[in-house]
């Protein structure tokens, strides 16, 4: 389970955080709102981070994506043949 810490605590305890990051993950809050997730890095995790960022962008733009693809779905079958 991740530890929840504030941005101020990150600034004050960055050395301790970096020493323990391989054992504990952190959720960093700013004024009570989650802002950052701090996870340990390992060789080869770049694909996982890319997938996460794609998921993040989709959630951030969820309403616009739903609207866009509902409109596309309602337009019917396309004449594109492969």
PDB file of N, CA and C in Angstrom:
ATOM      1  N   UNK A   1       0.845  -1.173   0.000  1.00  0.00           N
ATOM      2  CA  UNK A   1       0.000   0.000   0.000  1.00  0.00           C
ATOM      3  C   UNK A   1       0.898   1.246   0.000  1.00  0.00           C
ATOM      4  N   UNK A   2       0.590   2.216  -0.840  1.00  0.00           N
ATOM      5  CA  UNK A   2       1.450   3.411  -0.917  1.00  0.00           C
ATOM      6  C   UNK A   2       1.282   4.316   0.300  1.00  0.00           C
ATOM      7  N   UNK A   3       2.334   5.043   0.596  1.00  0.00           N
ATOM      8  CA  UNK A   3       2.272   6.081   1.625  1.00  0.00           C
ATOM      9  C   UNK A   3       1.749   7.351   0.981  1.00  0.00           C
ATOM     10  N   UNK A   4       0.947   8.089   1.718  1.00  0.00           N
ATOM     11  CA  UNK A   4       0.433   9.368   1.230  1.00  0.00           C
ATOM     12  C   UNK A   4       1.220  10.468   1.935  1.00  0.00           C
ATOM     13  N   UNK A   5       1.863  11.324   1.140  1.00  0.00           N
ATOM     14  CA  UNK A   5       2.671  12.410   1.683  1.00  0.00           C
ATOM     15  C   UNK A   5       2.350  13.702   0.942  1.00  0.00           C
ATOM     16  N   UNK A   6       2.705  14.822   1.533  1.00  0.00           N
ATOM     17  CA  UNK A   6       2.457  16.124   0.912  1.00  0.00           C
ATOM     18  C   UNK A   6       3.665  16.561   0.089  1.00  0.00           C
ATOM     19  N   UNK A   7       3.458  17.539  -0.753  1.00  0.00           N
ATOM     20  CA  UNK A   7       4.575  18.074  -1.544  1.00  0.00           C
ATOM     21  C   UNK A   7       5.648  18.659  -0.634  1.00  0.00           C
ATOM     22  N   UNK A   8       5.251  19.238   0.472  1.00  0.00           N
ATOM     23  CA  UNK A   8       6.219  19.778   1.433  1.00  0.00           C
ATOM     24  C   UNK A   8       7.083  18.668   2.005  1.00  0.00           C
ATOM     25  N   UNK A   9       6.463  17.526   2.338  1.00  0.00           N
ATOM     26  CA  UNK A   9       7.228  16.400   2.870  1.00  0.00           C
ATOM     27  C   UNK A   9       8.203  15.863   1.827  1.00  0.00           C
ATOM     28  N   UNK A  10       7.807  15.875   0.559  1.00  0.00           N
ATOM     29  CA  UNK A  10       8.732  15.434  -0.502  1.00  0.00           C
ATOM     30  C   UNK A  10       9.959  16.327  -0.518  1.00  0.00           C
ATOM     31  N   UNK A  11       9.737  17.632  -0.449  1.00  0.00           N
ATOM     32  CA  UNK A  11      10.854  18.568  -0.466  1.00  0.00           C
ATOM     33  C   UNK A  11      11.765  18.387   0.748  1.00  0.00           C
ATOM     34  N   UNK A  12      11.172  18.098   1.884  1.00  0.00           N
ATOM     35  CA  UNK A  12      11.951  17.972   3.114  1.00  0.00           C
ATOM     36  C   UNK A  12      12.648  16.619   3.231  1.00  0.00           C
ATOM     37  N   UNK A  13      12.059  15.562   2.659  1.00  0.00           N
ATOM     38  CA  UNK A  13      12.539  14.202   2.899  1.00  0.00           C
ATOM     39  C   UNK A  13      12.901  13.449   1.623  1.00  0.00           C
ATOM     40  N   UNK A  14      13.334  14.140   0.600  1.00  0.00           N
ATOM     41  CA  UNK A  14      13.614  13.487  -0.679  1.00  0.00           C
ATOM     42  C   UNK A  14      14.672  12.399  -0.545  1.00  0.00           C
ATOM     43  N   UNK A  15      15.644  12.595   0.313  1.00  0.00           N
ATOM     44  CA  UNK A  15      16.686  11.577   0.526  1.00  0.00           C
ATOM     45  C   UNK A  15      16.106  10.301   1.106  1.00  0.00           C
ATOM     46  N   UNK A  16      15.262  10.427   2.109  1.00  0.00           N
ATOM     47  CA  UNK A  16      14.623   9.254   2.723  1.00  0.00           C
ATOM     48  C   UNK A  16      13.699   8.559   1.730  1.00  0.00           C
ATOM     49  N   UNK A  17      12.995   9.346   0.938  1.00  0.00           N
ATOM     50  CA  UNK A  17      12.082   8.778  -0.060  1.00  0.00           C
ATOM     51  C   UNK A  17      12.870   7.975  -1.089  1.00  0.00           C
ATOM     52  N   UNK A  18      13.953   8.547  -1.589  1.00  0.00           N
ATOM     53  CA  UNK A  18      14.733   7.834  -2.606  1.00  0.00           C
ATOM     54  C   UNK A  18      15.385   6.577  -2.033  1.00  0.00           C
ATOM     55  N   UNK A  19      15.701   6.582  -0.751  1.00  0.00           N
ATOM     56  CA  UNK A  19      16.271   5.390  -0.113  1.00  0.00           C
ATOM     57  C   UNK A  19      15.242   4.271   0.047  1.00  0.00           C
ATOM     58  N   UNK A  20      13.979   4.636   0.234  1.00  0.00           N
ATOM     59  CA  UNK A  20      12.949   3.624   0.506  1.00  0.00           C
ATOM     60  C   UNK A  20      12.041   3.331  -0.683  1.00  0.00           C
ATOM     61  N   UNK A  21      12.240   3.988  -1.813  1.00  0.00           N
ATOM     62  CA  UNK A  21      11.309   3.858  -2.936  1.00  0.00           C
ATOM     63  C   UNK A  21      11.244   2.436  -3.490  1.00  0.00           C
ATOM     64  N   UNK A  22      12.285   1.638  -3.299  1.00  0.00           N
ATOM     65  CA  UNK A  22      12.236   0.262  -3.788  1.00  0.00           C
ATOM     66  C   UNK A  22      11.386  -0.640  -2.892  1.00  0.00           C
ATOM     67  N   UNK A  23      10.955  -0.118  -1.759  1.00  0.00           N
ATOM     68  CA  UNK A  23      10.118  -0.891  -0.835  1.00  0.00           C
ATOM     69  C   UNK A  23       8.718  -0.310  -0.694  1.00  0.00           C
ATOM     70  N   UNK A  24       8.592   1.000  -0.875  1.00  0.00           N
ATOM     71  CA  UNK A  24       7.326   1.697  -0.646  1.00  0.00           C
ATOM     72  C   UNK A  24       7.080   2.665  -1.799  1.00  0.00           C
ATOM     73  N   UNK A  25       5.849   2.713  -2.294  1.00  0.00           N
ATOM     74  CA  UNK A  25       5.500   3.728  -3.283  1.00  0.00           C
ATOM     75  C   UNK A  25       4.807   4.886  -2.555  1.00  0.00           C
ATOM     76  N   UNK A  26       4.727   6.025  -3.221  1.00  0.00           N
ATOM     77  CA  UNK A  26       4.181   7.225  -2.594  1.00  0.00           C
ATOM     78  C   UNK A  26       3.145   7.880  -3.493  1.00  0.00           C
ATOM     79  N   UNK A  27       2.099   8.384  -2.871  1.00  0.00           N
ATOM     80  CA  UNK A  27       1.156   9.269  -3.533  1.00  0.00           C
ATOM     81  C   UNK A  27       1.387  10.639  -2.920  1.00  0.00           C
ATOM     82  N   UNK A  28       1.713  11.605  -3.757  1.00  0.00           N
ATOM     83  CA  UNK A  28       2.017  12.954  -3.286  1.00  0.00           C
ATOM     84  C   UNK A  28       0.778  13.818  -3.472  1.00  0.00           C
ATOM     85  N   UNK A  29       0.405  14.512  -2.393  1.00  0.00           N
ATOM     86  CA  UNK A  29      -0.780  15.366  -2.443  1.00  0.00           C
ATOM     87  C   UNK A  29      -0.390  16.831  -2.355  1.00  0.00           C
ATOM     88  N   UNK A  30      -1.247  17.658  -2.902  1.00  0.00           N
ATOM     89  CA  UNK A  30      -1.107  19.104  -2.792  1.00  0.00           C
ATOM     90  C   UNK A  30      -2.480  19.642  -2.417  1.00  0.00           C
ATOM     91  N   UNK A  31      -2.589  20.193  -1.223  1.00  0.00           N
ATOM     92  CA  UNK A  31      -3.854  20.706  -0.694  1.00  0.00           C
ATOM     93  C   UNK A  31      -4.940  19.631  -0.678  1.00  0.00           C
ATOM     94  N   UNK A  32      -4.540  18.425  -0.306  1.00  0.00           N
ATOM     95  CA  UNK A  32      -5.489  17.333  -0.161  1.00  0.00           C
ATOM     96  C   UNK A  32      -5.831  16.584  -1.434  1.00  0.00           C
ATOM     97  N   UNK A  33      -5.328  17.027  -2.565  1.00  0.00           N
ATOM     98  CA  UNK A  33      -5.603  16.384  -3.848  1.00  0.00           C
ATOM     99  C   UNK A  33      -4.385  15.593  -4.307  1.00  0.00           C
ATOM    100  N   UNK A  34      -4.592  14.346  -4.718  1.00  0.00           N
ATOM    101  CA  UNK A  34      -3.496  13.548  -5.246  1.00  0.00           C
ATOM    102  C   UNK A  34      -2.949  14.166  -6.521  1.00  0.00           C
ATOM    103  N   UNK A  35      -1.644  14.311  -6.613  1.00  0.00           N
ATOM    104  CA  UNK A  35      -1.015  14.945  -7.785  1.00  0.00           C
ATOM    105  C   UNK A  35       0.014  14.058  -8.460  1.00  0.00           C
ATOM    106  N   UNK A  36       0.762  13.279  -7.693  1.00  0.00           N
ATOM    107  CA  UNK A  36       1.882  12.530  -8.243  1.00  0.00           C
ATOM    108  C   UNK A  36       1.909  11.152  -7.607  1.00  0.00           C
ATOM    109  N   UNK A  37       2.268  10.161  -8.395  1.00  0.00           N
ATOM    110  CA  UNK A  37       2.563   8.839  -7.860  1.00  0.00           C
ATOM    111  C   UNK A  37       4.054   8.615  -8.064  1.00  0.00           C
ATOM    112  N   UNK A  38       4.737   8.244  -7.004  1.00  0.00           N
ATOM    113  CA  UNK A  38       6.173   7.985  -7.073  1.00  0.00           C
ATOM    114  C   UNK A  38       6.382   6.484  -6.925  1.00  0.00           C
ATOM    115  N   UNK A  39       6.980   5.887  -7.956  1.00  0.00           N
ATOM    116  CA  UNK A  39       7.213   4.444  -7.999  1.00  0.00           C
ATOM    117  C   UNK A  39       8.685   4.167  -8.273  1.00  0.00           C
ATOM    118  N   UNK A  40       9.171   2.998  -7.896  1.00  0.00           N
ATOM    119  CA  UNK A  40      10.566   2.669  -8.196  1.00  0.00           C
ATOM    120  C   UNK A  40      10.768   2.447  -9.692  1.00  0.00           C
ATOM    121  N   UNK A  41      11.920   2.812 -10.168  1.00  0.00           N
ATOM    122  CA  UNK A  41      12.274   2.604 -11.575  1.00  0.00           C
ATOM    123  C   UNK A  41      13.005   1.278 -11.708  1.00  0.00           C
ATOM    124  N   UNK A  42      12.731   0.569 -12.802  1.00  0.00           N
ATOM    125  CA  UNK A  42      13.516  -0.617 -13.127  1.00  0.00           C
ATOM    126  C   UNK A  42      13.748  -0.640 -14.624  1.00  0.00           C
ATOM    127  N   UNK A  43      14.843  -1.248 -15.019  1.00  0.00           N
ATOM    128  CA  UNK A  43      15.195  -1.325 -16.432  1.00  0.00           C
ATOM    129  C   UNK A  43      14.077  -2.036 -17.189  1.00  0.00           C
ATOM    130  N   UNK A  44      13.550  -1.399 -18.207  1.00  0.00           N
ATOM    131  CA  UNK A  44      12.511  -2.000 -19.029  1.00  0.00           C
ATOM    132  C   UNK A  44      11.096  -1.568 -18.674  1.00  0.00           C
ATOM    133  N   UNK A  45      10.934  -0.674 -17.707  1.00  0.00           N
ATOM    134  CA  UNK A  45       9.582  -0.264 -17.322  1.00  0.00           C
ATOM    135  C   UNK A  45       9.028   0.848 -18.212  1.00  0.00           C
ATOM    136  N   UNK A  46       9.789   1.271 -19.198  1.00  0.00           N
ATOM    137  CA  UNK A  46       9.361   2.380 -20.057  1.00  0.00           C
ATOM    138  C   UNK A  46       8.046   2.078 -20.775  1.00  0.00           C
ATOM    139  N   UNK A  47       7.859   0.845 -21.207  1.00  0.00           N
ATOM    140  CA  UNK A  47       6.603   0.487 -21.877  1.00  0.00           C
ATOM    141  C   UNK A  47       5.425   0.621 -20.921  1.00  0.00           C
ATOM    142  N   UNK A  48       5.617   0.218 -19.670  1.00  0.00           N
ATOM    143  CA  UNK A  48       4.555   0.343 -18.675  1.00  0.00           C
ATOM    144  C   UNK A  48       4.205   1.811 -18.439  1.00  0.00           C
ATOM    145  N   UNK A  49       5.218   2.657 -18.406  1.00  0.00           N
ATOM    146  CA  UNK A  49       4.985   4.081 -18.192  1.00  0.00           C
ATOM    147  C   UNK A  49       4.248   4.673 -19.391  1.00  0.00           C
ATOM    148  N   UNK A  50       4.623   4.271 -20.589  1.00  0.00           N
ATOM    149  CA  UNK A  50       3.941   4.740 -21.792  1.00  0.00           C
ATOM    150  C   UNK A  50       2.473   4.327 -21.774  1.00  0.00           C
ATOM    151  N   UNK A  51       2.202   3.072 -21.405  1.00  0.00           N
ATOM    152  CA  UNK A  51       0.816   2.594 -21.309  1.00  0.00           C
ATOM    153  C   UNK A  51       0.040   3.394 -20.266  1.00  0.00           C
ATOM    154  N   UNK A  52       0.670   3.648 -19.133  1.00  0.00           N
ATOM    155  CA  UNK A  52       0.015   4.423 -18.079  1.00  0.00           C
ATOM    156  C   UNK A  52      -0.326   5.829 -18.578  1.00  0.00           C
ATOM    157  N   UNK A  53       0.602   6.477 -19.267  1.00  0.00           N
ATOM    158  CA  UNK A  53       0.362   7.835 -19.752  1.00  0.00           C
ATOM    159  C   UNK A  53      -0.757   7.862 -20.789  1.00  0.00           C
ATOM    160  N   UNK A  54      -0.851   6.824 -21.618  1.00  0.00           N
ATOM    161  CA  UNK A  54      -1.964   6.737 -22.564  1.00  0.00           C
ATOM    162  C   UNK A  54      -3.288   6.611 -21.819  1.00  0.00           C
ATOM    163  N   UNK A  55      -3.315   5.768 -20.791  1.00  0.00           N
ATOM    164  CA  UNK A  55      -4.522   5.620 -19.968  1.00  0.00           C
ATOM    165  C   UNK A  55      -4.879   6.939 -19.284  1.00  0.00           C
ATOM    166  N   UNK A  56      -3.865   7.628 -18.772  1.00  0.00           N
ATOM    167  CA  UNK A  56      -4.074   8.922 -18.119  1.00  0.00           C
ATOM    168  C   UNK A  56      -4.706   9.925 -19.085  1.00  0.00           C
ATOM    169  N   UNK A  57      -4.162  10.006 -20.288  1.00  0.00           N
ATOM    170  CA  UNK A  57      -4.691  10.961 -21.270  1.00  0.00           C
ATOM    171  C   UNK A  57      -6.122  10.607 -21.669  1.00  0.00           C
ATOM    172  N   UNK A  58      -6.415   9.316 -21.793  1.00  0.00           N
ATOM    173  CA  UNK A  58      -7.782   8.911 -22.139  1.00  0.00           C
ATOM    174  C   UNK A  58      -8.756   9.277 -21.022  1.00  0.00           C
ATOM    175  N   UNK A  59      -8.363   9.065 -19.773  1.00  0.00           N
ATOM    176  CA  UNK A  59      -9.233   9.427 -18.652  1.00  0.00           C
ATOM    177  C   UNK A  59      -9.401  10.943 -18.560  1.00  0.00           C
ATOM    178  N   UNK A  60      -8.341  11.665 -18.823  1.00  0.00           N
ATOM    179  CA  UNK A  60      -8.388  13.123 -18.770  1.00  0.00           C
ATOM    180  C   UNK A  60      -9.330  13.673 -19.845  1.00  0.00           C
ATOM    181  N   UNK A  61      -9.358  13.031 -21.007  1.00  0.00           N
ATOM    182  CA  UNK A  61     -10.163  13.496 -22.134  1.00  0.00           C
ATOM    183  C   UNK A  61     -11.374  12.600 -22.384  1.00  0.00           C
ATOM    184  N   UNK A  62     -11.838  11.902 -21.362  1.00  0.00           N
ATOM    185  CA  UNK A  62     -12.891  10.905 -21.489  1.00  0.00           C
ATOM    186  C   UNK A  62     -14.159  11.454 -22.154  1.00  0.00           C
ATOM    187  N   UNK A  63     -14.635  12.591 -21.686  1.00  0.00           N
ATOM    188  CA  UNK A  63     -15.881  13.142 -22.223  1.00  0.00           C
ATOM    189  C   UNK A  63     -15.761  13.479 -23.708  1.00  0.00           C
ATOM    190  N   UNK A  64     -14.661  14.091 -24.096  1.00  0.00           N
ATOM    191  CA  UNK A  64     -14.468  14.441 -25.507  1.00  0.00           C
ATOM    192  C   UNK A  64     -14.346  13.188 -26.367  1.00  0.00           C
ATOM    193  N   UNK A  65     -13.667  12.160 -25.855  1.00  0.00           N
ATOM    194  CA  UNK A  65     -13.528  10.918 -26.615  1.00  0.00           C
ATOM    195  C   UNK A  65     -14.868  10.207 -26.780  1.00  0.00           C
ATOM    196  N   UNK A  66     -15.664  10.174 -25.708  1.00  0.00           N
ATOM    197  CA  UNK A  66     -16.989   9.549 -25.797  1.00  0.00           C
ATOM    198  C   UNK A  66     -17.829  10.265 -26.842  1.00  0.00           C
ATOM    199  N   UNK A  67     -17.836  11.586 -26.791  1.00  0.00           N
ATOM    200  CA  UNK A  67     -18.621  12.371 -27.744  1.00  0.00           C
ATOM    201  C   UNK A  67     -18.149  12.111 -29.176  1.00  0.00           C
ATOM    202  N   UNK A  68     -16.847  12.102 -29.362  1.00  0.00           N
ATOM    203  CA  UNK A  68     -16.283  11.904 -30.702  1.00  0.00           C
ATOM    204  C   UNK A  68     -16.666  10.544 -31.274  1.00  0.00           C
ATOM    205  N   UNK A  69     -16.542   9.493 -30.470  1.00  0.00           N
ATOM    206  CA  UNK A  69     -16.787   8.156 -30.988  1.00  0.00           C
ATOM    207  C   UNK A  69     -18.270   7.803 -31.022  1.00  0.00           C
ATOM    208  N   UNK A  70     -19.111   8.476 -30.229  1.00  0.00           N
ATOM    209  CA  UNK A  70     -20.548   8.299 -30.369  1.00  0.00           C
ATOM    210  C   UNK A  70     -21.010   8.885 -31.699  1.00  0.00           C
ATOM    211  N   UNK A  71     -20.481  10.036 -32.039  1.00  0.00           N
ATOM    212  CA  UNK A  71     -20.804  10.661 -33.318  1.00  0.00           C
ATOM    213  C   UNK A  71     -20.359   9.761 -34.464  1.00  0.00           C
ATOM    214  N   UNK A  72     -19.157   9.219 -34.357  1.00  0.00           N
ATOM    215  CA  UNK A  72     -18.643   8.323 -35.387  1.00  0.00           C
ATOM    216  C   UNK A  72     -19.490   7.070 -35.497  1.00  0.00           C
ATOM    217  N   UNK A  73     -19.889   6.533 -34.377  1.00  0.00           N
ATOM    218  CA  UNK A  73     -20.696   5.311 -34.361  1.00  0.00           C
ATOM    219  C   UNK A  73     -22.062   5.542 -35.000  1.00  0.00           C
ATOM    220  N   UNK A  74     -22.646   6.703 -34.748  1.00  0.00           N
ATOM    221  CA  UNK A  74     -23.970   7.031 -35.281  1.00  0.00           C
ATOM    222  C   UNK A  74     -23.939   7.302 -36.776  1.00  0.00           C
ATOM    223  N   UNK A  75     -22.767   7.611 -37.326  1.00  0.00           N
ATOM    224  CA  UNK A  75     -22.691   7.959 -38.746  1.00  0.00           C
ATOM    225  C   UNK A  75     -22.864   6.731 -39.645  1.00  0.00           C
ATOM    226  N   UNK A  76     -22.815   5.553 -39.061  1.00  0.00           N
ATOM    227  CA  UNK A  76     -23.064   4.342 -39.845  1.00  0.00           C
ATOM    228  C   UNK A  76     -21.805   3.722 -40.412  1.00  0.00           C
ATOM    229  N   UNK A  77     -22.049   2.710 -41.218  1.00  0.00           N
ATOM    230  CA  UNK A  77     -20.952   1.948 -41.808  1.00  0.00           C
ATOM    231  C   UNK A  77     -20.247   2.781 -42.870  1.00  0.00           C
ATOM    232  N   UNK A  78     -18.933   2.704 -42.878  1.00  0.00           N
ATOM    233  CA  UNK A  78     -18.163   3.478 -43.841  1.00  0.00           C
ATOM    234  C   UNK A  78     -18.002   2.690 -45.136  1.00  0.00           C
ATOM    235  N   UNK A  79     -17.602   3.376 -46.162  1.00  0.00           N
ATOM    236  CA  UNK A  79     -17.384   2.708 -47.460  1.00  0.00           C
ATOM    237  C   UNK A  79     -15.966   2.191 -47.601  1.00  0.00           C
ATOM    238  N   UNK A  80     -15.158   2.310 -46.566  1.00  0.00           N
ATOM    239  CA  UNK A  80     -13.775   1.874 -46.598  1.00  0.00           C
ATOM    240  C   UNK A  80     -13.729   0.342 -46.720  1.00  0.00           C
ATOM    241  N   UNK A  81     -12.958  -0.134 -47.700  1.00  0.00           N
ATOM    242  CA  UNK A  81     -12.777  -1.578 -47.897  1.00  0.00           C
ATOM    243  C   UNK A  81     -11.298  -1.876 -47.811  1.00  0.00           C
ATOM    244  N   UNK A  82     -10.995  -2.909 -47.043  1.00  0.00           N
ATOM    245  CA  UNK A  82      -9.586  -3.299 -46.902  1.00  0.00           C
ATOM    246  C   UNK A  82      -9.393  -4.653 -47.553  1.00  0.00           C
TER     247      UNK A  82
END
